[in-house]
PDB file of N, CA and C in Angstrom:
ATOM      1  N   UNK A   1     100.885  31.634-143.300  1.00  0.00           N
ATOM      2  CA  UNK A   1      99.994  31.478-142.184  1.00  0.00           C
ATOM      3  C   UNK A   1      99.219  30.175-142.379  1.00  0.00           C
ATOM      4  N   UNK A   2      99.125  29.345-141.343  1.00  0.00           N
ATOM      5  CA  UNK A   2      98.365  28.106-141.451  1.00  0.00           C
ATOM      6  C   UNK A   2      96.907  28.380-141.797  1.00  0.00           C
ATOM      7  N   UNK A   3      96.282  27.406-142.457  1.00  0.00           N
ATOM      8  CA  UNK A   3      94.913  27.561-142.930  1.00  0.00           C
ATOM      9  C   UNK A   3      93.920  27.867-141.813  1.00  0.00           C
ATOM     10  N   UNK A   4      94.088  27.237-140.661  1.00  0.00           N
ATOM     11  CA  UNK A   4      93.113  27.395-139.588  1.00  0.00           C
ATOM     12  C   UNK A   4      93.388  28.607-138.689  1.00  0.00           C
ATOM     13  N   UNK A   5      94.440  29.359-138.989  1.00  0.00           N
ATOM     14  CA  UNK A   5      94.778  30.523-138.174  1.00  0.00           C
ATOM     15  C   UNK A   5      94.189  31.777-138.802  1.00  0.00           C
ATOM     16  N   UNK A   6      93.499  32.589-138.002  1.00  0.00           N
ATOM     17  CA  UNK A   6      92.931  33.826-138.518  1.00  0.00           C
ATOM     18  C   UNK A   6      93.997  34.920-138.482  1.00  0.00           C
ATOM     19  N   UNK A   7      93.973  35.813-139.443  1.00  0.00           N
ATOM     20  CA  UNK A   7      94.975  36.883-139.462  1.00  0.00           C
ATOM     21  C   UNK A   7      94.814  37.808-138.256  1.00  0.00           C
ATOM     22  N   UNK A   8      95.938  38.285-137.753  1.00  0.00           N
ATOM     23  CA  UNK A   8      95.925  39.222-136.638  1.00  0.00           C
ATOM     24  C   UNK A   8      95.377  40.549-137.139  1.00  0.00           C
ATOM     25  N   UNK A   9      94.400  41.080-136.428  1.00  0.00           N
ATOM     26  CA  UNK A   9      93.810  42.341-136.827  1.00  0.00           C
ATOM     27  C   UNK A   9      94.608  43.492-136.201  1.00  0.00           C
ATOM     28  N   UNK A  10      94.939  44.467-137.010  1.00  0.00           N
ATOM     29  CA  UNK A  10      95.663  45.629-136.516  1.00  0.00           C
ATOM     30  C   UNK A  10      94.641  46.642-136.032  1.00  0.00           C
ATOM     31  N   UNK A  11      94.662  46.902-134.732  1.00  0.00           N
ATOM     32  CA  UNK A  11      93.718  47.840-134.122  1.00  0.00           C
ATOM     33  C   UNK A  11      94.511  48.998-133.532  1.00  0.00           C
ATOM     34  N   UNK A  12      94.027  50.194-133.794  1.00  0.00           N
ATOM     35  CA  UNK A  12      94.695  51.377-133.271  1.00  0.00           C
ATOM     36  C   UNK A  12      93.682  52.182-132.460  1.00  0.00           C
ATOM     37  N   UNK A  13      94.046  52.480-131.205  1.00  0.00           N
ATOM     38  CA  UNK A  13      93.211  53.352-130.394  1.00  0.00           C
ATOM     39  C   UNK A  13      94.055  54.513-129.898  1.00  0.00           C
ATOM     40  N   UNK A  14      93.476  55.356-129.057  1.00  0.00           N
ATOM     41  CA  UNK A  14      94.210  56.554-128.642  1.00  0.00           C
ATOM     42  C   UNK A  14      95.378  56.272-127.705  1.00  0.00           C
ATOM     43  N   UNK A  15      95.559  55.027-127.279  1.00  0.00           N
ATOM     44  CA  UNK A  15      96.718  54.646-126.470  1.00  0.00           C
ATOM     45  C   UNK A  15      97.828  54.048-127.339  1.00  0.00           C
ATOM     46  N   UNK A  16      97.527  53.811-128.591  1.00  0.00           N
ATOM     47  CA  UNK A  16      98.490  53.220-129.511  1.00  0.00           C
ATOM     48  C   UNK A  16      99.617  54.190-129.821  1.00  0.00           C
ATOM     49  N   UNK A  17     100.808  53.659-129.991  1.00  0.00           N
ATOM     50  CA  UNK A  17     101.945  54.485-130.377  1.00  0.00           C
ATOM     51  C   UNK A  17     101.788  55.001-131.805  1.00  0.00           C
ATOM     52  N   UNK A  18     100.859  54.426-132.545  1.00  0.00           N
ATOM     53  CA  UNK A  18     100.607  54.870-133.913  1.00  0.00           C
ATOM     54  C   UNK A  18      99.514  55.936-133.995  1.00  0.00           C
ATOM     55  N   UNK A  19      98.868  56.203-132.884  1.00  0.00           N
ATOM     56  CA  UNK A  19      97.761  57.161-132.878  1.00  0.00           C
ATOM     57  C   UNK A  19      98.277  58.584-133.058  1.00  0.00           C
ATOM     58  N   UNK A  20      97.671  59.312-133.965  1.00  0.00           N
ATOM     59  CA  UNK A  20      97.944  60.736-134.126  1.00  0.00           C
ATOM     60  C   UNK A  20      96.660  61.491-133.811  1.00  0.00           C
ATOM     61  N   UNK A  21      96.746  62.447-132.918  1.00  0.00           N
ATOM     62  CA  UNK A  21      95.605  63.275-132.547  1.00  0.00           C
ATOM     63  C   UNK A  21      95.275  64.195-133.715  1.00  0.00           C
ATOM     64  N   UNK A  22      94.010  64.554-133.882  1.00  0.00           N
ATOM     65  CA  UNK A  22      93.660  65.464-134.970  1.00  0.00           C
ATOM     66  C   UNK A  22      94.440  66.786-134.951  1.00  0.00           C
ATOM     67  N   UNK A  23      94.909  67.196-133.780  1.00  0.00           N
ATOM     68  CA  UNK A  23      95.689  68.445-133.718  1.00  0.00           C
ATOM     69  C   UNK A  23      97.152  68.239-134.095  1.00  0.00           C
ATOM     70  N   UNK A  24      97.601  66.992-134.230  1.00  0.00           N
ATOM     71  CA  UNK A  24      98.972  66.726-134.669  1.00  0.00           C
ATOM     72  C   UNK A  24      99.066  67.025-136.163  1.00  0.00           C
ATOM     73  N   UNK A  25     100.048  67.827-136.521  1.00  0.00           N
ATOM     74  CA  UNK A  25     100.216  68.165-137.932  1.00  0.00           C
ATOM     75  C   UNK A  25     101.703  68.287-138.237  1.00  0.00           C
ATOM     76  N   UNK A  26     102.069  68.207-139.504  1.00  0.00           N
ATOM     77  CA  UNK A  26     103.489  68.339-139.861  1.00  0.00           C
ATOM     78  C   UNK A  26     104.085  69.687-139.473  1.00  0.00           C
ATOM     79  N   UNK A  27     103.253  70.712-139.332  1.00  0.00           N
ATOM     80  CA  UNK A  27     103.749  72.038-138.985  1.00  0.00           C
ATOM     81  C   UNK A  27     103.856  72.291-137.491  1.00  0.00           C
ATOM     82  N   UNK A  28     103.494  71.301-136.684  1.00  0.00           N
ATOM     83  CA  UNK A  28     103.525  71.487-135.230  1.00  0.00           C
ATOM     84  C   UNK A  28     104.959  71.694-134.734  1.00  0.00           C
ATOM     85  N   UNK A  29     105.095  72.541-133.734  1.00  0.00           N
ATOM     86  CA  UNK A  29     106.383  72.773-133.082  1.00  0.00           C
ATOM     87  C   UNK A  29     106.280  72.107-131.711  1.00  0.00           C
ATOM     88  N   UNK A  30     107.063  71.047-131.510  1.00  0.00           N
ATOM     89  CA  UNK A  30     106.926  70.244-130.296  1.00  0.00           C
ATOM     90  C   UNK A  30     107.707  70.790-129.107  1.00  0.00           C
ATOM     91  N   UNK A  31     108.597  71.730-129.337  1.00  0.00           N
ATOM     92  CA  UNK A  31     109.342  72.384-128.256  1.00  0.00           C
ATOM     93  C   UNK A  31     109.775  73.768-128.734  1.00  0.00           C
ATOM     94  N   UNK A  32     109.958  74.662-127.787  1.00  0.00           N
ATOM     95  CA  UNK A  32     110.413  76.005-128.159  1.00  0.00           C
ATOM     96  C   UNK A  32     111.933  76.047-128.335  1.00  0.00           C
ATOM     97  N   UNK A  33     112.616  74.972-127.972  1.00  0.00           N
ATOM     98  CA  UNK A  33     114.070  74.907-128.106  1.00  0.00           C
ATOM     99  C   UNK A  33     114.419  74.512-129.541  1.00  0.00           C
ATOM    100  N   UNK A  34     115.089  75.399-130.268  1.00  0.00           N
ATOM    101  CA  UNK A  34     115.540  75.085-131.629  1.00  0.00           C
ATOM    102  C   UNK A  34     116.999  74.677-131.582  1.00  0.00           C
ATOM    103  N   UNK A  35     117.319  73.601-132.281  1.00  0.00           N
ATOM    104  CA  UNK A  35     118.715  73.179-132.375  1.00  0.00           C
ATOM    105  C   UNK A  35     119.457  74.160-133.273  1.00  0.00           C
ATOM    106  N   UNK A  36     120.540  74.734-132.744  1.00  0.00           N
ATOM    107  CA  UNK A  36     121.282  75.738-133.493  1.00  0.00           C
ATOM    108  C   UNK A  36     122.707  75.292-133.830  1.00  0.00           C
ATOM    109  N   UNK A  37     122.993  74.019-133.565  1.00  0.00           N
ATOM    110  CA  UNK A  37     124.324  73.500-133.837  1.00  0.00           C
ATOM    111  C   UNK A  37     125.210  73.471-132.603  1.00  0.00           C
ATOM    112  N   UNK A  38     124.793  74.169-131.544  1.00  0.00           N
ATOM    113  CA  UNK A  38     125.617  74.250-130.337  1.00  0.00           C
ATOM    114  C   UNK A  38     124.887  73.785-129.079  1.00  0.00           C
ATOM    115  N   UNK A  39     123.595  73.622-129.134  1.00  0.00           N
ATOM    116  CA  UNK A  39     122.803  73.316-127.940  1.00  0.00           C
ATOM    117  C   UNK A  39     122.181  71.916-127.992  1.00  0.00           C
ATOM    118  N   UNK A  40     122.934  70.953-128.517  1.00  0.00           N
ATOM    119  CA  UNK A  40     122.374  69.620-128.741  1.00  0.00           C
ATOM    120  C   UNK A  40     121.826  68.976-127.468  1.00  0.00           C
ATOM    121  N   UNK A  41     122.552  69.029-126.355  1.00  0.00           N
ATOM    122  CA  UNK A  41     122.103  68.347-125.136  1.00  0.00           C
ATOM    123  C   UNK A  41     120.745  68.852-124.667  1.00  0.00           C
ATOM    124  N   UNK A  42     120.580  70.159-124.613  1.00  0.00           N
ATOM    125  CA  UNK A  42     119.304  70.749-124.197  1.00  0.00           C
ATOM    126  C   UNK A  42     118.208  70.417-125.202  1.00  0.00           C
ATOM    127  N   UNK A  43     118.514  70.567-126.488  1.00  0.00           N
ATOM    128  CA  UNK A  43     117.536  70.293-127.546  1.00  0.00           C
ATOM    129  C   UNK A  43     117.090  68.833-127.528  1.00  0.00           C
ATOM    130  N   UNK A  44     118.046  67.913-127.399  1.00  0.00           N
ATOM    131  CA  UNK A  44     117.701  66.489-127.375  1.00  0.00           C
ATOM    132  C   UNK A  44     116.774  66.176-126.211  1.00  0.00           C
ATOM    133  N   UNK A  45     117.076  66.713-125.039  1.00  0.00           N
ATOM    134  CA  UNK A  45     116.226  66.477-123.867  1.00  0.00           C
ATOM    135  C   UNK A  45     114.817  67.011-124.110  1.00  0.00           C
ATOM    136  N   UNK A  46     114.700  68.195-124.692  1.00  0.00           N
ATOM    137  CA  UNK A  46     113.392  68.789-124.976  1.00  0.00           C
ATOM    138  C   UNK A  46     112.611  67.958-125.992  1.00  0.00           C
ATOM    139  N   UNK A  47     113.284  67.487-127.048  1.00  0.00           N
ATOM    140  CA  UNK A  47     112.612  66.675-128.076  1.00  0.00           C
ATOM    141  C   UNK A  47     112.182  65.329-127.493  1.00  0.00           C
ATOM    142  N   UNK A  48     113.058  64.682-126.739  1.00  0.00           N
ATOM    143  CA  UNK A  48     112.711  63.400-126.125  1.00  0.00           C
ATOM    144  C   UNK A  48     111.531  63.551-125.161  1.00  0.00           C
ATOM    145  N   UNK A  49     111.529  64.619-124.397  1.00  0.00           N
ATOM    146  CA  UNK A  49     110.424  64.862-123.462  1.00  0.00           C
ATOM    147  C   UNK A  49     109.111  65.051-124.220  1.00  0.00           C
ATOM    148  N   UNK A  50     109.141  65.832-125.286  1.00  0.00           N
ATOM    149  CA  UNK A  50     107.935  66.077-126.081  1.00  0.00           C
ATOM    150  C   UNK A  50     107.442  64.793-126.737  1.00  0.00           C
ATOM    151  N   UNK A  51     108.352  64.009-127.290  1.00  0.00           N
ATOM    152  CA  UNK A  51     107.939  62.757-127.946  1.00  0.00           C
ATOM    153  C   UNK A  51     107.435  61.734-126.927  1.00  0.00           C
ATOM    154  N   UNK A  52     108.022  61.707-125.746  1.00  0.00           N
ATOM    155  CA  UNK A  52     107.526  60.814-124.685  1.00  0.00           C
ATOM    156  C   UNK A  52     106.099  61.209-124.310  1.00  0.00           C
ATOM    157  N   UNK A  53     105.843  62.503-124.198  1.00  0.00           N
ATOM    158  CA  UNK A  53     104.501  62.989-123.852  1.00  0.00           C
ATOM    159  C   UNK A  53     103.484  62.615-124.920  1.00  0.00           C
ATOM    160  N   UNK A  54     103.934  62.509-126.174  1.00  0.00           N
ATOM    161  CA  UNK A  54     103.042  62.139-127.275  1.00  0.00           C
ATOM    162  C   UNK A  54     103.029  60.630-127.536  1.00  0.00           C
ATOM    163  N   UNK A  55     103.731  59.866-126.692  1.00  0.00           N
ATOM    164  CA  UNK A  55     103.812  58.408-126.834  1.00  0.00           C
ATOM    165  C   UNK A  55     104.482  58.008-128.150  1.00  0.00           C
ATOM    166  N   UNK A  56     105.500  58.774-128.549  1.00  0.00           N
ATOM    167  CA  UNK A  56     106.191  58.528-129.823  1.00  0.00           C
ATOM    168  C   UNK A  56     107.696  58.346-129.661  1.00  0.00           C
ATOM    169  N   UNK A  57     108.203  58.339-128.444  1.00  0.00           N
ATOM    170  CA  UNK A  57     109.643  58.243-128.227  1.00  0.00           C
ATOM    171  C   UNK A  57     110.218  56.969-128.838  1.00  0.00           C
ATOM    172  N   UNK A  58     109.470  55.898-128.855  1.00  0.00           N
ATOM    173  CA  UNK A  58     109.937  54.626-129.400  1.00  0.00           C
ATOM    174  C   UNK A  58     110.352  54.684-130.857  1.00  0.00           C
ATOM    175  N   UNK A  59     109.871  55.678-131.577  1.00  0.00           N
ATOM    176  CA  UNK A  59     110.249  55.817-132.982  1.00  0.00           C
ATOM    177  C   UNK A  59     111.680  56.310-133.134  1.00  0.00           C
ATOM    178  N   UNK A  60     112.178  57.070-132.167  1.00  0.00           N
ATOM    179  CA  UNK A  60     113.549  57.551-132.298  1.00  0.00           C
ATOM    180  C   UNK A  60     114.533  56.751-131.456  1.00  0.00           C
ATOM    181  N   UNK A  61     114.059  56.058-130.422  1.00  0.00           N
ATOM    182  CA  UNK A  61     114.991  55.214-129.657  1.00  0.00           C
ATOM    183  C   UNK A  61     114.981  53.775-130.170  1.00  0.00           C
ATOM    184  N   UNK A  62     114.244  53.547-131.250  1.00  0.00           N
ATOM    185  CA  UNK A  62     114.158  52.269-131.969  1.00  0.00           C
ATOM    186  C   UNK A  62     113.524  51.136-131.164  1.00  0.00           C
ATOM    187  N   UNK A  63     112.764  51.468-130.106  1.00  0.00           N
ATOM    188  CA  UNK A  63     112.032  50.413-129.411  1.00  0.00           C
ATOM    189  C   UNK A  63     110.775  50.041-130.196  1.00  0.00           C
ATOM    190  N   UNK A  64     110.371  50.900-131.123  1.00  0.00           N
ATOM    191  CA  UNK A  64     109.309  50.568-132.075  1.00  0.00           C
ATOM    192  C   UNK A  64     110.012  50.355-133.409  1.00  0.00           C
ATOM    193  N   UNK A  65     110.047  49.115-133.856  1.00  0.00           N
ATOM    194  CA  UNK A  65     110.739  48.816-135.107  1.00  0.00           C
ATOM    195  C   UNK A  65     109.761  48.848-136.284  1.00  0.00           C
ATOM    196  N   UNK A  66     110.300  49.102-137.442  1.00  0.00           N
ATOM    197  CA  UNK A  66     109.480  49.160-138.652  1.00  0.00           C
ATOM    198  C   UNK A  66     108.908  47.776-138.938  1.00  0.00           C
ATOM    199  N   UNK A  67     107.580  47.666-138.993  1.00  0.00           N
ATOM    200  CA  UNK A  67     106.961  46.365-139.280  1.00  0.00           C
ATOM    201  C   UNK A  67     107.323  45.883-140.687  1.00  0.00           C
ATOM    202  N   UNK A  68     107.351  44.565-140.847  1.00  0.00           N
ATOM    203  CA  UNK A  68     107.710  44.022-142.159  1.00  0.00           C
ATOM    204  C   UNK A  68     106.600  43.189-142.789  1.00  0.00           C
ATOM    205  N   UNK A  69     105.638  42.727-141.993  1.00  0.00           N
ATOM    206  CA  UNK A  69     104.673  41.800-142.568  1.00  0.00           C
ATOM    207  C   UNK A  69     103.242  42.323-142.621  1.00  0.00           C
ATOM    208  N   UNK A  70     102.834  43.151-141.705  1.00  0.00           N
ATOM    209  CA  UNK A  70     101.454  43.637-141.647  1.00  0.00           C
ATOM    210  C   UNK A  70     101.359  44.964-142.385  1.00  0.00           C
ATOM    211  N   UNK A  71     100.657  44.968-143.527  1.00  0.00           N
ATOM    212  CA  UNK A  71     100.577  46.161-144.364  1.00  0.00           C
ATOM    213  C   UNK A  71      99.951  47.336-143.619  1.00  0.00           C
ATOM    214  N   UNK A  72      98.880  47.108-142.865  1.00  0.00           N
ATOM    215  CA  UNK A  72      98.213  48.192-142.139  1.00  0.00           C
ATOM    216  C   UNK A  72      99.136  48.788-141.078  1.00  0.00           C
ATOM    217  N   UNK A  73      99.842  47.931-140.352  1.00  0.00           N
ATOM    218  CA  UNK A  73     100.756  48.421-139.330  1.00  0.00           C
ATOM    219  C   UNK A  73     101.939  49.155-139.974  1.00  0.00           C
ATOM    220  N   UNK A  74     102.452  48.632-141.074  1.00  0.00           N
ATOM    221  CA  UNK A  74     103.550  49.285-141.793  1.00  0.00           C
ATOM    222  C   UNK A  74     103.115  50.668-142.268  1.00  0.00           C
ATOM    223  N   UNK A  75     101.927  50.766-142.801  1.00  0.00           N
ATOM    224  CA  UNK A  75     101.414  52.047-143.268  1.00  0.00           C
ATOM    225  C   UNK A  75     101.305  53.038-142.111  1.00  0.00           C
ATOM    226  N   UNK A  76     100.773  52.587-140.975  1.00  0.00           N
ATOM    227  CA  UNK A  76     100.661  53.453-139.794  1.00  0.00           C
ATOM    228  C   UNK A  76     102.042  53.879-139.325  1.00  0.00           C
ATOM    229  N   UNK A  77     103.007  52.948-139.318  1.00  0.00           N
ATOM    230  CA  UNK A  77     104.368  53.262-138.893  1.00  0.00           C
ATOM    231  C   UNK A  77     104.971  54.348-139.790  1.00  0.00           C
ATOM    232  N   UNK A  78     104.796  54.209-141.097  1.00  0.00           N
ATOM    233  CA  UNK A  78     105.365  55.178-142.036  1.00  0.00           C
ATOM    234  C   UNK A  78     104.739  56.562-141.873  1.00  0.00           C
ATOM    235  N   UNK A  79     103.445  56.604-141.624  1.00  0.00           N
ATOM    236  CA  UNK A  79     102.759  57.883-141.428  1.00  0.00           C
ATOM    237  C   UNK A  79     103.300  58.585-140.185  1.00  0.00           C
ATOM    238  N   UNK A  80     103.366  57.845-139.073  1.00  0.00           N
ATOM    239  CA  UNK A  80     103.840  58.443-137.822  1.00  0.00           C
ATOM    240  C   UNK A  80     105.320  58.812-137.933  1.00  0.00           C
ATOM    241  N   UNK A  81     106.120  57.961-138.545  1.00  0.00           N
ATOM    242  CA  UNK A  81     107.540  58.268-138.711  1.00  0.00           C
ATOM    243  C   UNK A  81     107.728  59.552-139.521  1.00  0.00           C
ATOM    244  N   UNK A  82     106.938  59.733-140.556  1.00  0.00           N
ATOM    245  CA  UNK A  82     107.010  60.956-141.358  1.00  0.00           C
ATOM    246  C   UNK A  82     106.595  62.175-140.543  1.00  0.00           C
ATOM    247  N   UNK A  83     105.561  62.022-139.715  1.00  0.00           N
ATOM    248  CA  UNK A  83     105.108  63.122-138.871  1.00  0.00           C
ATOM    249  C   UNK A  83     106.213  63.526-137.893  1.00  0.00           C
ATOM    250  N   UNK A  84     106.854  62.536-137.270  1.00  0.00           N
ATOM    251  CA  UNK A  84     107.926  62.812-136.315  1.00  0.00           C
ATOM    252  C   UNK A  84     109.104  63.491-137.010  1.00  0.00           C
ATOM    253  N   UNK A  85     109.428  63.056-138.213  1.00  0.00           N
ATOM    254  CA  UNK A  85     110.494  63.699-138.984  1.00  0.00           C
ATOM    255  C   UNK A  85     110.170  65.169-139.212  1.00  0.00           C
ATOM    256  N   UNK A  86     108.921  65.462-139.547  1.00  0.00           N
ATOM    257  CA  UNK A  86     108.496  66.855-139.735  1.00  0.00           C
ATOM    258  C   UNK A  86     108.633  67.645-138.445  1.00  0.00           C
ATOM    259  N   UNK A  87     108.178  67.062-137.334  1.00  0.00           N
ATOM    260  CA  UNK A  87     108.280  67.748-136.039  1.00  0.00           C
ATOM    261  C   UNK A  87     109.728  68.078-135.705  1.00  0.00           C
ATOM    262  N   UNK A  88     110.608  67.126-135.944  1.00  0.00           N
ATOM    263  CA  UNK A  88     112.020  67.344-135.613  1.00  0.00           C
ATOM    264  C   UNK A  88     112.624  68.420-136.515  1.00  0.00           C
ATOM    265  N   UNK A  89     112.311  68.392-137.796  1.00  0.00           N
ATOM    266  CA  UNK A  89     112.825  69.436-138.696  1.00  0.00           C
ATOM    267  C   UNK A  89     112.326  70.818-138.293  1.00  0.00           C
ATOM    268  N   UNK A  90     111.118  70.880-137.711  1.00  0.00           N
ATOM    269  CA  UNK A  90     110.556  72.165-137.284  1.00  0.00           C
ATOM    270  C   UNK A  90     111.300  72.783-136.107  1.00  0.00           C
ATOM    271  N   UNK A  91     112.079  71.985-135.392  1.00  0.00           N
ATOM    272  CA  UNK A  91     112.803  72.508-134.226  1.00  0.00           C
ATOM    273  C   UNK A  91     114.318  72.471-134.454  1.00  0.00           C
ATOM    274  N   UNK A  92     114.691  72.582-135.720  1.00  0.00           N
ATOM    275  CA  UNK A  92     116.093  72.702-136.114  1.00  0.00           C
ATOM    276  C   UNK A  92     116.225  73.991-136.915  1.00  0.00           C
ATOM    277  N   UNK A  93     117.238  74.755-136.617  1.00  0.00           N
ATOM    278  CA  UNK A  93     117.486  75.995-137.339  1.00  0.00           C
ATOM    279  C   UNK A  93     117.506  75.693-138.842  1.00  0.00           C
ATOM    280  N   UNK A  94     116.727  76.430-139.628  1.00  0.00           N
ATOM    281  CA  UNK A  94     116.674  76.167-141.078  1.00  0.00           C
ATOM    282  C   UNK A  94     118.032  76.151-141.765  1.00  0.00           C
ATOM    283  N   UNK A  95     119.003  76.883-141.239  1.00  0.00           N
ATOM    284  CA  UNK A  95     120.346  76.889-141.831  1.00  0.00           C
ATOM    285  C   UNK A  95     121.000  75.515-141.749  1.00  0.00           C
ATOM    286  N   UNK A  96     120.529  74.677-140.827  1.00  0.00           N
ATOM    287  CA  UNK A  96     121.116  73.356-140.625  1.00  0.00           C
ATOM    288  C   UNK A  96     120.348  72.244-141.344  1.00  0.00           C
ATOM    289  N   UNK A  97     119.215  72.553-141.961  1.00  0.00           N
ATOM    290  CA  UNK A  97     118.390  71.517-142.589  1.00  0.00           C
ATOM    291  C   UNK A  97     119.148  70.653-143.582  1.00  0.00           C
ATOM    292  N   UNK A  98     119.952  71.249-144.443  1.00  0.00           N
ATOM    293  CA  UNK A  98     120.625  70.449-145.468  1.00  0.00           C
ATOM    294  C   UNK A  98     121.648  69.490-144.841  1.00  0.00           C
ATOM    295  N   UNK A  99     122.312  69.912-143.780  1.00  0.00           N
ATOM    296  CA  UNK A  99     123.292  69.025-143.168  1.00  0.00           C
ATOM    297  C   UNK A  99     122.633  67.948-142.308  1.00  0.00           C
ATOM    298  N   UNK A 100     121.431  68.222-141.799  1.00  0.00           N
ATOM    299  CA  UNK A 100     120.728  67.237-140.965  1.00  0.00           C
ATOM    300  C   UNK A 100     119.955  66.252-141.838  1.00  0.00           C
ATOM    301  N   UNK A 101     119.345  66.754-142.910  1.00  0.00           N
ATOM    302  CA  UNK A 101     118.526  65.891-143.760  1.00  0.00           C
ATOM    303  C   UNK A 101     119.365  64.803-144.363  1.00  0.00           C
TER     304      UNK A 101
END
């Protein structure tokens, strides 16, 4: 970064894709549709709808890419990505966890 340039400040508010509401937790169930190995189309639509409502769809459609240079943004990305992974595992039949993980 040039000497006269100030570093970009990473700011997160409730409209940010990195924002997690206090009620968001790893144990949350984002849809009542559980993937059972045969209902992928319905399950995918339900998960995408839930993540869109939470402003997190970009994490799975890759429109939000993993940051490489800003430590604060990278940390926020990793936290939210882990939360989304937990949410998705919660709506997959436990018998399928080993094959999905």
